[in-house]
C-alpha atoms as a PDB file:
ATOM      1  CA  MET A   1     -77.405 -32.809  -2.063  1.00  0.00           C
ATOM      2  CA  LEU A   2     -74.533 -34.672  -3.656  1.00  0.00           C
ATOM      3  CA  VAL A   3     -74.615 -32.334  -6.640  1.00  0.00           C
ATOM      4  CA  LEU A   4     -74.453 -29.306  -4.326  1.00  0.00           C
ATOM      5  CA  THR A   5     -71.441 -30.767  -2.507  1.00  0.00           C
ATOM      6  CA  VAL A   6     -69.616 -31.367  -5.807  1.00  0.00           C
ATOM      7  CA  ILE A   7     -70.302 -27.801  -6.897  1.00  0.00           C
ATOM      8  CA  VAL A   8     -68.921 -26.435  -3.600  1.00  0.00           C
ATOM      9  CA  VAL A   9     -65.755 -28.540  -3.916  1.00  0.00           C
ATOM     10  CA  VAL A  10     -65.223 -27.435  -7.521  1.00  0.00           C
ATOM     11  CA  LEU A  11     -65.653 -23.805  -6.564  1.00  0.00           C
ATOM     12  CA  ALA A  12     -63.241 -24.201  -3.648  1.00  0.00           C
ATOM     13  CA  VAL A  13     -60.608 -25.807  -5.902  1.00  0.00           C
ATOM     14  CA  ALA A  14     -61.073 -23.039  -8.468  1.00  0.00           C
ATOM     15  CA  ALA A  15     -60.693 -20.395  -5.754  1.00  0.00           C
ATOM     16  CA  LEU A  16     -57.526 -22.005  -4.418  1.00  0.00           C
ATOM     17  CA  THR A  17     -56.115 -22.284  -7.947  1.00  0.00           C
ATOM     18  CA  ALA A  18     -56.841 -18.621  -8.629  1.00  0.00           C
ATOM     19  CA  ALA A  19     -55.303 -17.616  -5.308  1.00  0.00           C
ATOM     20  CA  GLY A  20     -52.196 -19.662  -6.076  1.00  0.00           C
ATOM     21  CA  ALA A  21     -51.881 -18.079  -9.502  1.00  0.00           C
ATOM     22  CA  TRP A  22     -52.237 -14.609  -7.948  1.00  0.00           C
ATOM     23  CA  TRP A  23     -49.523 -15.260  -5.371  1.00  0.00           C
ATOM     24  CA  ARG A  24     -47.194 -16.676  -8.034  1.00  0.00           C
ATOM     25  CA  LEU A  25     -47.730 -13.535 -10.110  1.00  0.00           C
ATOM     26  CA  ARG A  26     -46.954 -11.351  -7.098  1.00  0.00           C
ATOM     27  CA  GLY A  27     -43.838 -13.412  -6.454  1.00  0.00           C
ATOM     28  CA  ARG A  28     -42.626 -12.928 -10.015  1.00  0.00           C
ATOM     29  CA  GLN A  29     -43.262  -9.206  -9.768  1.00  0.00           C
ATOM     30  CA  ALA A  30     -41.330  -9.020  -6.497  1.00  0.00           C
ATOM     31  CA  ALA A  31     -38.471 -11.054  -7.984  1.00  0.00           C
ATOM     32  CA  GLY A  32     -38.467  -8.767 -10.997  1.00  0.00           C
ATOM     33  CA  THR A  33     -38.273  -5.724  -8.713  1.00  0.00           C
ATOM     34  CA  ASP A  34     -35.386  -7.267  -6.734  1.00  0.00           C
ATOM     35  CA  GLU A  35     -33.535  -8.067  -9.966  1.00  0.00           C
ATOM     36  CA  ALA A  36     -34.062  -4.520 -11.231  1.00  0.00           C
ATOM     37  CA  ASP A  37     -32.703  -3.138  -7.930  1.00  0.00           C
ATOM     38  CA  ARG A  38     -29.691  -5.453  -8.159  1.00  0.00           C
ATOM     39  CA  LEU A  39     -28.963  -4.378 -11.730  1.00  0.00           C
ATOM     40  CA  ARG A  40     -29.334  -0.727 -10.741  1.00  0.00           C
ATOM     41  CA  ARG A  41     -26.843  -1.147  -7.862  1.00  0.00           C
ATOM     42  CA  GLU A  42     -24.416  -3.011 -10.136  1.00  0.00           C
ATOM     43  CA  ASN A  43     -24.661  -0.218 -12.699  1.00  0.00           C
ATOM     44  CA  LEU A  44     -23.872   2.392 -10.032  1.00  0.00           C
ATOM     45  CA  ARG A  45     -20.886   0.331  -8.872  1.00  0.00           C
ATOM     46  CA  LEU A  46     -19.527   0.050 -12.417  1.00  0.00           C
ATOM     47  CA  GLU A  47     -19.991   3.781 -12.969  1.00  0.00           C
ATOM     48  CA  HIS A  48     -18.033   4.439  -9.766  1.00  0.00           C
ATOM     49  CA  HIS A  49     -15.168   2.191 -10.921  1.00  0.00           C
ATOM     50  CA  LEU A  50     -15.172   3.882 -14.329  1.00  0.00           C
ATOM     51  CA  THR A  51     -14.891   7.290 -12.657  1.00  0.00           C
ATOM     52  CA  GLN A  52     -11.947   6.050 -10.592  1.00  0.00           C
ATOM     53  CA  ALA A  53     -10.274   4.650 -13.709  1.00  0.00           C
ATOM     54  CA  ARG A  54     -10.652   7.999 -15.471  1.00  0.00           C
ATOM     55  CA  ARG A  55      -9.159   9.752 -12.447  1.00  0.00           C
ATOM     56  CA  MET A  56      -6.161   7.409 -12.533  1.00  0.00           C
ATOM     57  CA  GLU A  57      -5.756   8.039 -16.246  1.00  0.00           C
ATOM     58  CA  ALA A  58      -5.777  11.793 -15.601  1.00  0.00           C
ATOM     59  CA  VAL A  59      -3.173  11.386 -12.828  1.00  0.00           C
ATOM     60  CA  GLY A  60      -0.995   9.346 -15.175  1.00  0.00           C
ATOM     61  CA  ILE A  61      -1.189  11.975 -17.916  1.00  0.00           C
ATOM     62  CA  LEU A  62      -0.368  14.712 -15.384  1.00  0.00           C
ATOM     63  CA  ALA A  63       2.577  12.724 -14.010  1.00  0.00           C
ATOM     64  CA  GLY A  64       3.938  12.132 -17.491  1.00  0.00           C
ATOM     65  CA  SER A  65       3.691  15.833 -18.334  1.00  0.00           C
ATOM     66  CA  ILE A  66       5.522  17.144 -15.242  1.00  0.00           C
ATOM     67  CA  VAL A  67       8.151  14.467 -14.602  1.00  0.00           C
ATOM     68  CA  HIS A  68      10.559  15.885 -17.208  1.00  0.00           C
ATOM     69  CA  ASN A  69      10.411  19.388 -15.686  1.00  0.00           C
ATOM     70  CA  LEU A  70      10.892  18.004 -12.186  1.00  0.00           C
ATOM     71  CA  ASN A  71      13.998  16.139 -13.305  1.00  0.00           C
ATOM     72  CA  ASN A  72      15.399  19.319 -14.829  1.00  0.00           C
ATOM     73  CA  MET A  73      14.789  21.322 -11.641  1.00  0.00           C
ATOM     74  CA  LEU A  74      16.318  18.614  -9.447  1.00  0.00           C
ATOM     75  CA  ALA A  75      19.358  18.473 -11.739  1.00  0.00           C
ATOM     76  CA  VAL A  76      19.874  22.222 -11.255  1.00  0.00           C
ATOM     77  CA  ILE A  77      19.466  21.958  -7.472  1.00  0.00           C
ATOM     78  CA  LEU A  78      21.856  19.014  -7.156  1.00  0.00           C
ATOM     79  CA  GLY A  79      24.390  20.546  -9.548  1.00  0.00           C
ATOM     80  CA  HIS A  80      24.603  23.876  -7.721  1.00  0.00           C
ATOM     81  CA  THR A  81      24.682  22.148  -4.325  1.00  0.00           C
ATOM     82  CA  ARG A  82      27.598  19.945  -5.383  1.00  0.00           C
ATOM     83  CA  MET A  83      29.426  22.990  -6.749  1.00  0.00           C
ATOM     84  CA  ALA A  84      28.855  24.833  -3.467  1.00  0.00           C
ATOM     85  CA  ALA A  85      30.113  21.844  -1.467  1.00  0.00           C
ATOM     86  CA  HIS A  86      33.165  21.510  -3.714  1.00  0.00           C
ATOM     87  CA  GLY A  87      34.025  25.184  -3.221  1.00  0.00           C
ATOM     88  CA  LEU A  88      34.040  24.983   0.581  1.00  0.00           C
ATOM     89  CA  PRO A  89      37.226  24.288   2.523  1.00  0.00           C
ATOM     90  CA  ALA A  90      37.591  20.829   4.050  1.00  0.00           C
ATOM     91  CA  GLY A  91      35.907  20.516   7.422  1.00  0.00           C
ATOM     92  CA  ALA A  92      33.599  23.503   6.937  1.00  0.00           C
ATOM     93  CA  GLU A  93      30.395  23.403   8.994  1.00  0.00           C
ATOM     94  CA  ALA A  94      28.225  23.827   5.916  1.00  0.00           C
ATOM     95  CA  GLN A  95      29.600  20.628   4.351  1.00  0.00           C
ATOM     96  CA  GLU A  96      27.379  18.408   6.511  1.00  0.00           C
ATOM     97  CA  GLU A  97      24.244  20.435   5.726  1.00  0.00           C
ATOM     98  CA  LEU A  98      25.003  20.443   1.999  1.00  0.00           C
ATOM     99  CA  ALA A  99      25.513  16.672   2.135  1.00  0.00           C
ATOM    100  CA  LYS A 100      21.989  16.347   3.564  1.00  0.00           C
ATOM    101  CA  VAL A 101      20.630  18.483   0.718  1.00  0.00           C
ATOM    102  CA  ILE A 102      22.400  16.285  -1.834  1.00  0.00           C
ATOM    103  CA  LYS A 103      21.065  13.092  -0.235  1.00  0.00           C
ATOM    104  CA  ALA A 104      17.503  14.445  -0.102  1.00  0.00           C
ATOM    105  CA  GLY A 105      17.760  15.666  -3.697  1.00  0.00           C
ATOM    106  CA  THR A 106      19.029  12.273  -4.845  1.00  0.00           C
ATOM    107  CA  MET A 107      16.116  10.518  -3.117  1.00  0.00           C
ATOM    108  CA  ALA A 108      13.686  12.981  -4.708  1.00  0.00           C
ATOM    109  CA  SER A 109      15.203  12.269  -8.112  1.00  0.00           C
ATOM    110  CA  GLU A 110      14.759   8.531  -7.580  1.00  0.00           C
ATOM    111  CA  LEU A 111      11.125   9.048  -6.574  1.00  0.00           C
ATOM    112  CA  VAL A 112      10.513  11.090  -9.725  1.00  0.00           C
ATOM    113  CA  THR A 113      11.993   8.207 -11.704  1.00  0.00           C
ATOM    114  CA  GLU A 114       9.560   5.873  -9.917  1.00  0.00           C
ATOM    115  CA  ILE A 115       6.672   8.080 -11.042  1.00  0.00           C
ATOM    116  CA  SER A 116       8.003   8.053 -14.586  1.00  0.00           C
ATOM    117  CA  ASP A 117       8.363   4.264 -14.545  1.00  0.00           C
ATOM    118  CA  PHE A 118       4.824   3.858 -13.226  1.00  0.00           C
ATOM    119  CA  PHE A 119       3.483   6.173 -15.930  1.00  0.00           C
ATOM    120  CA  ARG A 120       5.305   4.208 -18.627  1.00  0.00           C
ATOM    121  CA  GLN A 121       4.371   0.885 -16.991  1.00  0.00           C
ATOM    122  CA  ALA A 122       8.078   0.058 -16.799  1.00  0.00           C
ATOM    123  CA  ASP A 123       9.489  -2.624 -14.511  1.00  0.00           C
ATOM    124  CA  ARG A 124      11.220  -1.494 -11.340  1.00  0.00           C
ATOM    125  CA  ALA A 125      14.956  -2.069 -11.343  1.00  0.00           C
ATOM    126  CA  ARG A 126      15.198  -4.586  -8.502  1.00  0.00           C
ATOM    127  CA  LYS A 127      18.547  -5.863  -7.343  1.00  0.00           C
ATOM    128  CA  PRO A 128      19.965  -7.751  -4.330  1.00  0.00           C
ATOM    129  CA  THR A 129      19.775  -5.213  -1.515  1.00  0.00           C
ATOM    130  CA  ASP A 130      20.831  -5.110   2.132  1.00  0.00           C
ATOM    131  CA  LEU A 131      17.952  -3.304   3.813  1.00  0.00           C
ATOM    132  CA  GLY A 132      19.931  -2.380   6.962  1.00  0.00           C
ATOM    133  CA  PRO A 133      21.967   0.555   5.552  1.00  0.00           C
ATOM    134  CA  LEU A 134      19.052   1.609   3.326  1.00  0.00           C
ATOM    135  CA  VAL A 135      16.598   1.814   6.242  1.00  0.00           C
ATOM    136  CA  GLY A 136      19.213   3.520   8.431  1.00  0.00           C
ATOM    137  CA  ASP A 137      19.885   6.256   5.840  1.00  0.00           C
ATOM    138  CA  THR A 138      16.152   6.815   5.330  1.00  0.00           C
ATOM    139  CA  LEU A 139      15.599   7.207   9.080  1.00  0.00           C
ATOM    140  CA  LYS A 140      18.396   9.790   9.263  1.00  0.00           C
ATOM    141  CA  LEU A 141      16.622  11.810   6.598  1.00  0.00           C
ATOM    142  CA  LEU A 142      13.262  11.415   8.372  1.00  0.00           C
ATOM    143  CA  ARG A 143      14.736  12.763  11.604  1.00  0.00           C
ATOM    144  CA  ASP A 144      15.606  15.973   9.763  1.00  0.00           C
ATOM    145  CA  ILE A 145      12.123  16.205   8.233  1.00  0.00           C
ATOM    146  CA  LEU A 146       9.780  15.209  11.076  1.00  0.00           C
ATOM    147  CA  PRO A 147       8.997  17.592  13.952  1.00  0.00           C
ATOM    148  CA  THR A 148      11.250  17.456  16.992  1.00  0.00           C
ATOM    149  CA  THR A 149       8.249  16.347  19.076  1.00  0.00           C
ATOM    150  CA  VAL A 150       8.336  12.977  17.263  1.00  0.00           C
ATOM    151  CA  GLU A 151      11.001  10.526  18.400  1.00  0.00           C
ATOM    152  CA  ILE A 152      12.234   7.808  16.033  1.00  0.00           C
ATOM    153  CA  ARG A 153      13.605   4.686  17.714  1.00  0.00           C
ATOM    154  CA  GLU A 154      15.354   2.092  15.606  1.00  0.00           C
ATOM    155  CA  SER A 155      16.393  -1.502  16.158  1.00  0.00           C
ATOM    156  CA  LEU A 156      18.140  -2.742  13.024  1.00  0.00           C
ATOM    157  CA  HIS A 157      19.624  -6.229  13.120  1.00  0.00           C
ATOM    158  CA  PRO A 158      21.933  -7.666  10.415  1.00  0.00           C
ATOM    159  CA  CYS A 159      19.843  -9.390   7.736  1.00  0.00           C
ATOM    160  CA  GLY A 160      20.372 -11.240   4.511  1.00  0.00           C
ATOM    161  CA  PRO A 161      19.674  -9.612   1.134  1.00  0.00           C
ATOM    162  CA  VAL A 162      16.314  -9.195  -0.573  1.00  0.00           C
ATOM    163  CA  LEU A 163      15.478  -8.489  -4.201  1.00  0.00           C
ATOM    164  CA  ALA A 164      14.285  -4.883  -4.018  1.00  0.00           C
ATOM    165  CA  SER A 165      14.246  -1.437  -5.550  1.00  0.00           C
ATOM    166  CA  PRO A 166      15.974   0.908  -3.041  1.00  0.00           C
ATOM    167  CA  ALA A 167      13.716   3.802  -4.026  1.00  0.00           C
ATOM    168  CA  GLY A 168      10.637   1.588  -3.609  1.00  0.00           C
ATOM    169  CA  VAL A 169      11.649   0.495  -0.099  1.00  0.00           C
ATOM    170  CA  GLN A 170      12.386   4.114   0.869  1.00  0.00           C
ATOM    171  CA  GLN A 171       8.973   5.134  -0.438  1.00  0.00           C
ATOM    172  CA  VAL A 172       7.277   2.426   1.647  1.00  0.00           C
ATOM    173  CA  LEU A 173       9.097   3.494   4.820  1.00  0.00           C
ATOM    174  CA  MET A 174       8.508   7.217   4.297  1.00  0.00           C
ATOM    175  CA  ASN A 175       4.790   6.704   3.546  1.00  0.00           C
ATOM    176  CA  LEU A 176       4.314   4.616   6.686  1.00  0.00           C
ATOM    177  CA  CYS A 177       6.176   7.127   8.870  1.00  0.00           C
ATOM    178  CA  SER A 178       4.200   9.991   7.337  1.00  0.00           C
ATOM    179  CA  ASN A 179       0.938   8.228   8.219  1.00  0.00           C
ATOM    180  CA  SER A 180       2.239   7.585  11.734  1.00  0.00           C
ATOM    181  CA  LEU A 181       2.942  11.305  12.123  1.00  0.00           C
ATOM    182  CA  GLN A 182      -0.592  12.185  11.020  1.00  0.00           C
ATOM    183  CA  ALA A 183      -2.037   9.586  13.411  1.00  0.00           C
ATOM    184  CA  MET A 184      -0.395  11.453  16.295  1.00  0.00           C
ATOM    185  CA  MET A 185      -2.417  14.583  15.356  1.00  0.00           C
ATOM    186  CA  ALA A 186       0.652  16.869  15.635  1.00  0.00           C
ATOM    187  CA  GLU A 187       1.266  15.786  19.234  1.00  0.00           C
ATOM    188  CA  ARG A 188       4.318  14.230  20.834  1.00  0.00           C
ATOM    189  CA  GLY A 189       4.846  10.620  19.943  1.00  0.00           C
ATOM    190  CA  VAL A 190       7.216   7.774  19.173  1.00  0.00           C
ATOM    191  CA  ILE A 191       7.774   5.881  15.917  1.00  0.00           C
ATOM    192  CA  GLU A 192       9.598   2.574  16.331  1.00  0.00           C
ATOM    193  CA  VAL A 193      11.279   0.951  13.333  1.00  0.00           C
ATOM    194  CA  SER A 194      12.807  -2.514  13.567  1.00  0.00           C
ATOM    195  CA  LEU A 195      14.463  -4.851  11.072  1.00  0.00           C
ATOM    196  CA  ARG A 196      15.222  -8.536  11.558  1.00  0.00           C
ATOM    197  CA  GLU A 197      15.089 -11.919   9.848  1.00  0.00           C
ATOM    198  CA  GLU A 198      12.117 -14.140  10.612  1.00  0.00           C
ATOM    199  CA  ARG A 199      11.150 -17.683   9.737  1.00  0.00           C
ATOM    200  CA  VAL A 200       7.453 -18.189   8.970  1.00  0.00           C
ATOM    201  CA  THR A 201       6.073 -21.728   9.306  1.00  0.00           C
ATOM    202  CA  GLY A 202       2.395 -21.357   8.393  1.00  0.00           C
ATOM    203  CA  TRP A 203      -0.010 -19.308   6.310  1.00  0.00           C
ATOM    204  CA  HIS A 204      -1.155 -15.908   7.572  1.00  0.00           C
ATOM    205  CA  ARG A 205      -3.674 -13.450   6.165  1.00  0.00           C
ATOM    206  CA  ALA A 206      -1.830 -10.434   4.736  1.00  0.00           C
ATOM    207  CA  VAL A 207      -1.950  -7.722   2.044  1.00  0.00           C
ATOM    208  CA  PRO A 208      -1.615  -7.789  -0.976  1.00  0.00           C
ATOM    209  CA  ALA A 209      -1.156 -11.578  -0.771  1.00  0.00           C
ATOM    210  CA  ASP A 210      -1.241 -14.089   2.069  1.00  0.00           C
ATOM    211  CA  LEU A 211       2.050 -14.718   3.877  1.00  0.00           C
ATOM    212  CA  GLY A 212       3.313 -18.260   3.319  1.00  0.00           C
ATOM    213  CA  PRO A 213       6.036 -20.394   4.905  1.00  0.00           C
ATOM    214  CA  GLY A 214       9.612 -19.300   4.272  1.00  0.00           C
ATOM    215  CA  SER A 215      12.440 -17.009   5.378  1.00  0.00           C
ATOM    216  CA  TYR A 216      11.887 -13.263   5.311  1.00  0.00           C
ATOM    217  CA  VAL A 217      13.329  -9.923   6.284  1.00  0.00           C
ATOM    218  CA  LYS A 218      10.722  -8.328   8.560  1.00  0.00           C
ATOM    219  CA  LEU A 219      10.468  -4.527   8.636  1.00  0.00           C
ATOM    220  CA  THR A 220       8.165  -3.221  11.371  1.00  0.00           C
ATOM    221  CA  VAL A 221       6.903   0.353  11.711  1.00  0.00           C
ATOM    222  CA  ARG A 222       4.993   1.038  14.933  1.00  0.00           C
ATOM    223  CA  ASP A 223       3.526   4.257  16.345  1.00  0.00           C
ATOM    224  CA  ASP A 224       1.668   5.237  19.518  1.00  0.00           C
ATOM    225  CA  GLY A 225      -1.013   7.256  17.692  1.00  0.00           C
ATOM    226  CA  ARG A 226      -4.761   7.023  18.132  1.00  0.00           C
ATOM    227  CA  GLY A 227      -5.110   3.679  16.323  1.00  0.00           C
ATOM    228  CA  MET A 228      -7.859   2.330  14.048  1.00  0.00           C
ATOM    229  CA  ASP A 229     -10.843   0.037  14.370  1.00  0.00           C
ATOM    230  CA  ALA A 230     -11.232  -3.233  12.448  1.00  0.00           C
ATOM    231  CA  GLU A 231     -13.529  -1.699   9.815  1.00  0.00           C
ATOM    232  CA  THR A 232     -10.962   0.987   8.987  1.00  0.00           C
ATOM    233  CA  ILE A 233      -8.096  -1.519   8.802  1.00  0.00           C
ATOM    234  CA  ASP A 234     -10.053  -3.520   6.206  1.00  0.00           C
ATOM    235  CA  ARG A 235     -10.194  -0.455   3.912  1.00  0.00           C
ATOM    236  CA  ILE A 236      -6.898   1.406   4.421  1.00  0.00           C
ATOM    237  CA  PHE A 237      -5.274  -0.081   1.305  1.00  0.00           C
ATOM    238  CA  GLU A 238      -8.067   1.024  -1.046  1.00  0.00           C
ATOM    239  CA  SER A 239      -6.927   3.540  -3.664  1.00  0.00           C
ATOM    240  CA  TYR A 240      -9.167   6.452  -2.648  1.00  0.00           C
ATOM    241  CA  PHE A 241      -9.848   5.666   0.999  1.00  0.00           C
ATOM    242  CA  SER A 242      -8.559   8.025   3.668  1.00  0.00           C
ATOM    243  CA  VAL A 243      -9.389   9.011   7.216  1.00  0.00           C
ATOM    244  CA  ALA A 244      -9.810  12.786   7.430  1.00  0.00           C
ATOM    245  CA  ALA A 245      -8.075  14.087  10.535  1.00  0.00           C
ATOM    246  CA  GLY A 246      -7.752  17.794  11.098  1.00  0.00           C
ATOM    247  CA  GLY A 247      -7.600  18.532   7.372  1.00  0.00           C
ATOM    248  CA  SER A 248      -5.096  15.746   6.688  1.00  0.00           C
ATOM    249  CA  LYS A 249      -5.655  12.684   4.567  1.00  0.00           C
ATOM    250  CA  LEU A 250      -4.539   9.898   6.870  1.00  0.00           C
ATOM    251  CA  GLY A 251      -3.881   6.637   5.024  1.00  0.00           C
ATOM    252  CA  ILE A 252      -3.883   8.117   1.521  1.00  0.00           C
ATOM    253  CA  GLY A 253      -0.388   6.704   0.779  1.00  0.00           C
ATOM    254  CA  LEU A 254      -1.076   3.136   1.847  1.00  0.00           C
ATOM    255  CA  SER A 255      -2.403   2.101  -1.565  1.00  0.00           C
ATOM    256  CA  THR A 256       1.051   3.016  -2.923  1.00  0.00           C
ATOM    257  CA  VAL A 257       2.642   0.866  -0.218  1.00  0.00           C
ATOM    258  CA  CYS A 258       0.417  -2.030  -1.287  1.00  0.00           C
ATOM    259  CA  ARG A 259       1.365  -1.575  -4.960  1.00  0.00           C
ATOM    260  CA  ILE A 260       5.103  -1.501  -4.203  1.00  0.00           C
ATOM    261  CA  LEU A 261       4.884  -4.602  -2.006  1.00  0.00           C
ATOM    262  CA  LYS A 262       3.046  -6.449  -4.760  1.00  0.00           C
ATOM    263  CA  GLU A 263       5.869  -5.616  -7.177  1.00  0.00           C
ATOM    264  CA  HIS A 264       8.428  -6.846  -4.599  1.00  0.00           C
ATOM    265  CA  GLU A 265       6.519 -10.082  -3.826  1.00  0.00           C
ATOM    266  CA  GLY A 266       6.245  -8.738  -0.289  1.00  0.00           C
ATOM    267  CA  THR A 267       3.330  -8.597   2.125  1.00  0.00           C
ATOM    268  CA  THR A 268       2.239  -6.600   5.150  1.00  0.00           C
ATOM    269  CA  ILE A 269       0.161  -7.448   8.212  1.00  0.00           C
ATOM    270  CA  PRO A 270      -1.380  -4.390   9.915  1.00  0.00           C
ATOM    271  CA  HIS A 271      -2.210  -4.374  13.625  1.00  0.00           C
ATOM    272  CA  SER A 272      -4.140  -1.607  15.339  1.00  0.00           C
ATOM    273  CA  ARG A 273      -6.507  -0.841  18.172  1.00  0.00           C
ATOM    274  CA  ILE A 274      -8.253   2.372  19.119  1.00  0.00           C
ATOM    275  CA  GLY A 275      -6.088   4.245  21.610  1.00  0.00           C
ATOM    276  CA  ALA A 276      -3.224   1.723  21.355  1.00  0.00           C
ATOM    277  CA  GLY A 277      -1.415   2.808  18.167  1.00  0.00           C
ATOM    278  CA  THR A 278      -0.757   1.013  14.884  1.00  0.00           C
ATOM    279  CA  SER A 279       1.963  -1.252  13.546  1.00  0.00           C
ATOM    280  CA  PHE A 280       2.759  -2.613  10.088  1.00  0.00           C
ATOM    281  CA  ASP A 281       4.813  -5.814   9.767  1.00  0.00           C
ATOM    282  CA  ILE A 282       6.298  -5.920   6.266  1.00  0.00           C
ATOM    283  CA  PHE A 283       7.864  -9.126   4.935  1.00  0.00           C
ATOM    284  CA  PHE A 284      10.374  -9.259   2.057  1.00  0.00           C
ATOM    285  CA  PRO A 285      11.473 -12.740   0.885  1.00  0.00           C
ATOM    286  CA  LEU A 286      15.140 -13.516   1.478  1.00  0.00           C
ATOM    287  CA  ILE A 287      17.122 -14.482  -1.621  1.00  0.00           C
ATOM    288  CA  ALA A 288      19.914 -16.968  -2.205  1.00  0.00           C
ATOM    289  CA  TRP A 289      22.729 -14.674  -3.381  1.00  0.00           C
ATOM    290  CA  PRO A 290      24.675 -11.949  -1.500  1.00  0.00           C
ATOM    291  CA  ALA A 291      23.837  -8.268  -1.842  1.00  0.00           C
ATOM    292  CA  ASP A 292      27.096  -7.432  -3.640  1.00  0.00           C
ATOM    293  CA  GLN A 293      26.487 -10.042  -6.353  1.00  0.00           C
ATOM    294  CA  GLU A 294      24.135  -9.477  -9.285  1.00  0.00           C
ATOM    295  CA  PRO A 295      21.737 -12.360 -10.052  1.00  0.00           C
ATOM    296  CA  ALA A 296      21.863 -14.121 -13.376  1.00  0.00           C
ATOM    297  CA  ALA A 297      18.451 -12.682 -14.261  1.00  0.00           C
ATOM    298  CA  THR A 298      16.178 -10.216 -12.489  1.00  0.00           C
ATOM    299  CA  THR A 299      13.023 -10.928 -14.438  1.00  0.00           C
ATOM    300  CA  SER A 300       9.945 -12.772 -13.299  1.00  0.00           C
ATOM    301  CA  SER A 301      12.054 -15.922 -12.952  1.00  0.00           C
ATOM    302  CA  SER A 302      13.848 -14.287 -10.034  1.00  0.00           C
ATOM    303  CA  SER A 303      11.111 -15.461  -7.705  1.00  0.00           C
ATOM    304  CA  ALA A 304      12.468 -18.996  -8.151  1.00  0.00           C
ATOM    305  CA  ALA A 305      15.579 -17.955  -6.215  1.00  0.00           C
ATOM    306  CA  CYS A 306      13.530 -16.778  -3.261  1.00  0.00           C
ATOM    307  CA  THR A 307      12.920 -19.011  -0.289  1.00  0.00           C
ATOM    308  CA  THR A 308       9.183 -18.391  -0.594  1.00  0.00           C
ATOM    309  CA  SER A 309       6.665 -17.150  -3.080  1.00  0.00           C
ATOM    310  CA  GLY A 310       3.525 -15.102  -2.530  1.00  0.00           C
ATOM    311  CA  ARG A 311      -0.010 -16.189  -3.195  1.00  0.00           C
ATOM    312  CA  THR A 312      -2.198 -14.361  -5.604  1.00  0.00           C
ATOM    313  CA  CYS A 313      -4.130 -11.387  -4.249  1.00  0.00           C
ATOM    314  CA  ARG A 314      -7.479 -12.077  -2.711  1.00  0.00           C
END
């Protein structure tokens, strides 16, 4: 009887050992399958990024090939417009309209230069700038461009200077207003633009870098469009993300806004809610010298003259 009991125990132990080995083998196989799935997903992600990089390379080559011709055409347009304005008698009604053409052509020429600089990976020419007159002039141009159903309200307070590229700031403002127009879906609406100094005392989550303590010039662009949900807000600054709306590409220019702000050591905090419109608070660090005085150096060391510095991108 004792021998039979020992045999049963041995067989039971052997069965349990075999079962354990079988389950361990199944576990390894499952882990191997999970690892293979993870590697497959990672490979797809890398292929997607490679495709995007090739697209950007193609865009850069295209920009480099057309920028020279665009400059030539703009030079002809501006030259003939100035000649026409010079030939008119003083006080002629067409003088004001020709002045608008010259201003728009000059802004277009500066934007083409921005494209050329980006293609050549050149540094933006930043200088001490008073944003008040710059924003005011850009809004005057936008009023001539946007439909009459869209009202632009401005509240521009006197502010200290920031280290900025005028063309870059204009591009930021025009991209944001263009997206506000598309958010209204061609209906009547209001775009509010405000400018004021603001003192920040703590850290706040922002794009492309967190907003830290310091003194800033705050540029706010607000619209009463349809708004966005939280998931959309988290993706609007991605290079190829857009919200299709009636054939438009809403949000397609916000990656450019993010790139320009990064170059200016600036940040933006978006706010939006479905049915309640969208606003972008943009912060440019104030600098220590007046706008009519050139700094001793406008290289990377210029950030030392700012009252605050940005964090690295998340």
